[in-house]
Amino acid sequence: MTMLDVRPWKPPARREYRPRPMDAGQRCSWERTIPAVRGEDRGIYGRTGTPAHAVTVAGEVWSSGPYPSSWWAVADGERMPVVIRKAGKRDVLEAGSLYEVIL
């Protein structure tokens, strides 16, 4: 083999970046469960308080999360990131929907 047979290394062709749906910086929405608040006893009128309910929150994916199929996300108007996961077929939610994990 001579020096004329050696070909120089050629870098791969450039491609345009196409982000996936859950890449950092992408918008998403998930469900946040607000826990029940136990109220005071009002005698014959029953108890006051609010039952547990779910709220839909929108925000931006920050990075990949600590669990499989999980991401760190920041809700609009908030500063602290939260962990969100994709619901599986054994979860109570519809498979594929996102929900907030309480750490």
C-alpha atoms as a PDB file:
ATOM      1  CA  MET A   1       0.000   0.000   0.000  1.00  0.00           C
ATOM      2  CA  THR A   2       1.391   3.341  -0.981  1.00  0.00           C
ATOM      3  CA  MET A   3       0.559   6.852   0.150  1.00  0.00           C
ATOM      4  CA  LEU A   4      -1.556   7.358  -2.957  1.00  0.00           C
ATOM      5  CA  ASP A   5      -3.992   4.592  -1.922  1.00  0.00           C
ATOM      6  CA  VAL A   6      -4.903   6.209   1.408  1.00  0.00           C
ATOM      7  CA  ARG A   7      -8.060   8.348   1.276  1.00  0.00           C
ATOM      8  CA  PRO A   8      -8.536  11.257   3.650  1.00  0.00           C
ATOM      9  CA  TRP A   9     -11.319  10.993   6.229  1.00  0.00           C
ATOM     10  CA  LYS A  10     -14.513  12.740   5.178  1.00  0.00           C
ATOM     11  CA  PRO A  11     -16.967  13.937   7.844  1.00  0.00           C
ATOM     12  CA  PRO A  12     -20.608  12.876   7.486  1.00  0.00           C
ATOM     13  CA  ALA A  13     -23.017  15.170   5.675  1.00  0.00           C
ATOM     14  CA  ARG A  14     -24.751  17.823   7.787  1.00  0.00           C
ATOM     15  CA  ARG A  15     -28.415  17.391   8.594  1.00  0.00           C
ATOM     16  CA  GLU A  16     -30.959  19.837   9.863  1.00  0.00           C
ATOM     17  CA  TYR A  17     -31.835  19.320  13.524  1.00  0.00           C
ATOM     18  CA  ARG A  18     -35.374  18.006  13.965  1.00  0.00           C
ATOM     19  CA  PRO A  19     -36.255  17.771  17.679  1.00  0.00           C
ATOM     20  CA  ARG A  20     -38.372  14.893  18.942  1.00  0.00           C
ATOM     21  CA  PRO A  21     -41.543  15.607  20.962  1.00  0.00           C
ATOM     22  CA  MET A  22     -39.862  15.187  24.376  1.00  0.00           C
ATOM     23  CA  ASP A  23     -36.452  16.740  23.658  1.00  0.00           C
ATOM     24  CA  ALA A  24     -35.276  19.620  25.848  1.00  0.00           C
ATOM     25  CA  GLY A  25     -37.042  22.870  25.029  1.00  0.00           C
ATOM     26  CA  GLN A  26     -40.233  21.269  23.679  1.00  0.00           C
ATOM     27  CA  ARG A  27     -43.675  22.256  24.970  1.00  0.00           C
ATOM     28  CA  CYS A  28     -45.874  19.659  26.711  1.00  0.00           C
ATOM     29  CA  SER A  29     -48.808  19.385  29.111  1.00  0.00           C
ATOM     30  CA  TRP A  30     -49.331  16.986  31.998  1.00  0.00           C
ATOM     31  CA  GLU A  31     -51.714  16.254  34.864  1.00  0.00           C
ATOM     32  CA  ARG A  32     -50.977  17.439  38.381  1.00  0.00           C
ATOM     33  CA  THR A  33     -52.971  15.930  41.258  1.00  0.00           C
ATOM     34  CA  ILE A  34     -53.948  18.427  43.924  1.00  0.00           C
ATOM     35  CA  PRO A  35     -54.361  16.521  47.236  1.00  0.00           C
ATOM     36  CA  ALA A  36     -57.512  16.747  49.308  1.00  0.00           C
ATOM     37  CA  VAL A  37     -57.636  19.366  52.045  1.00  0.00           C
ATOM     38  CA  ARG A  38     -59.342  18.268  55.206  1.00  0.00           C
ATOM     39  CA  GLY A  39     -61.559  20.931  56.650  1.00  0.00           C
ATOM     40  CA  GLU A  40     -63.026  21.520  60.037  1.00  0.00           C
ATOM     41  CA  ASP A  41     -66.093  19.741  61.345  1.00  0.00           C
ATOM     42  CA  ARG A  42     -69.193  21.897  61.048  1.00  0.00           C
ATOM     43  CA  GLY A  43     -71.558  19.742  63.129  1.00  0.00           C
ATOM     44  CA  ILE A  44     -74.753  18.814  61.302  1.00  0.00           C
ATOM     45  CA  TYR A  45     -73.594  20.546  58.122  1.00  0.00           C
ATOM     46  CA  GLY A  46     -70.753  18.089  57.555  1.00  0.00           C
ATOM     47  CA  ARG A  47     -67.099  18.773  56.922  1.00  0.00           C
ATOM     48  CA  THR A  48     -65.610  21.598  54.938  1.00  0.00           C
ATOM     49  CA  GLY A  49     -62.635  21.166  52.638  1.00  0.00           C
ATOM     50  CA  THR A  50     -61.860  20.259  49.061  1.00  0.00           C
ATOM     51  CA  PRO A  51     -61.603  16.788  47.520  1.00  0.00           C
ATOM     52  CA  ALA A  52     -58.567  15.658  45.551  1.00  0.00           C
ATOM     53  CA  HIS A  53     -58.675  16.698  41.901  1.00  0.00           C
ATOM     54  CA  ALA A  54     -56.453  16.778  38.809  1.00  0.00           C
ATOM     55  CA  VAL A  55     -55.339  19.929  36.983  1.00  0.00           C
ATOM     56  CA  THR A  56     -53.748  20.112  33.528  1.00  0.00           C
ATOM     57  CA  VAL A  57     -50.457  22.044  33.565  1.00  0.00           C
ATOM     58  CA  ALA A  58     -48.494  23.251  30.523  1.00  0.00           C
ATOM     59  CA  GLY A  59     -44.768  23.844  30.438  1.00  0.00           C
ATOM     60  CA  GLU A  60     -41.434  23.077  28.828  1.00  0.00           C
ATOM     61  CA  VAL A  61     -39.251  19.964  28.969  1.00  0.00           C
ATOM     62  CA  TRP A  62     -35.990  20.749  30.756  1.00  0.00           C
ATOM     63  CA  SER A  63     -34.034  17.471  30.442  1.00  0.00           C
ATOM     64  CA  SER A  64     -34.346  13.702  30.704  1.00  0.00           C
ATOM     65  CA  GLY A  65     -35.462  12.415  34.094  1.00  0.00           C
ATOM     66  CA  PRO A  66     -34.193   9.975  36.718  1.00  0.00           C
ATOM     67  CA  TYR A  67     -36.556   7.120  35.750  1.00  0.00           C
ATOM     68  CA  PRO A  68     -37.321   5.350  32.461  1.00  0.00           C
ATOM     69  CA  SER A  69     -39.846   7.337  30.393  1.00  0.00           C
ATOM     70  CA  SER A  70     -39.492  10.380  32.652  1.00  0.00           C
ATOM     71  CA  TRP A  71     -38.427  13.987  32.130  1.00  0.00           C
ATOM     72  CA  TRP A  72     -37.699  17.097  34.172  1.00  0.00           C
ATOM     73  CA  ALA A  73     -40.135  19.862  33.185  1.00  0.00           C
ATOM     74  CA  VAL A  74     -40.799  23.436  34.271  1.00  0.00           C
ATOM     75  CA  ALA A  75     -44.417  24.634  34.372  1.00  0.00           C
ATOM     76  CA  ASP A  76     -45.311  28.049  32.993  1.00  0.00           C
ATOM     77  CA  GLY A  77     -44.986  30.709  35.671  1.00  0.00           C
ATOM     78  CA  GLU A  78     -43.032  28.448  38.050  1.00  0.00           C
ATOM     79  CA  ARG A  79     -39.304  28.172  38.704  1.00  0.00           C
ATOM     80  CA  MET A  80     -38.877  24.707  40.232  1.00  0.00           C
ATOM     81  CA  PRO A  81     -38.619  21.761  37.833  1.00  0.00           C
ATOM     82  CA  VAL A  82     -40.772  18.683  38.468  1.00  0.00           C
ATOM     83  CA  VAL A  83     -40.489  15.092  37.271  1.00  0.00           C
ATOM     84  CA  ILE A  84     -43.124  13.974  34.778  1.00  0.00           C
ATOM     85  CA  ARG A  85     -43.658  10.411  33.544  1.00  0.00           C
ATOM     86  CA  LYS A  86     -45.501   8.764  30.716  1.00  0.00           C
ATOM     87  CA  ALA A  87     -48.338   6.534  31.946  1.00  0.00           C
ATOM     88  CA  GLY A  88     -48.008   2.858  31.074  1.00  0.00           C
ATOM     89  CA  LYS A  89     -50.714   0.294  30.425  1.00  0.00           C
ATOM     90  CA  ARG A  90     -50.872  -0.658  34.137  1.00  0.00           C
ATOM     91  CA  ASP A  91     -51.373   2.908  35.362  1.00  0.00           C
ATOM     92  CA  VAL A  92     -54.755   4.382  36.243  1.00  0.00           C
ATOM     93  CA  LEU A  93     -54.400   7.114  33.604  1.00  0.00           C
ATOM     94  CA  GLU A  94     -54.756   6.607  29.877  1.00  0.00           C
ATOM     95  CA  ALA A  95     -51.632   4.931  28.448  1.00  0.00           C
ATOM     96  CA  GLY A  96     -49.259   7.472  26.975  1.00  0.00           C
ATOM     97  CA  SER A  97     -50.531  10.493  28.923  1.00  0.00           C
ATOM     98  CA  LEU A  98     -48.115  12.461  31.103  1.00  0.00           C
ATOM     99  CA  TYR A  99     -48.441  12.936  34.865  1.00  0.00           C
ATOM    100  CA  GLU A 100     -46.415  14.635  37.599  1.00  0.00           C
ATOM    101  CA  VAL A 101     -44.468  12.426  40.029  1.00  0.00           C
ATOM    102  CA  ILE A 102     -44.388  13.438  43.683  1.00  0.00           C
ATOM    103  CA  LEU A 103     -40.844  12.934  44.964  1.00  0.00           C
END
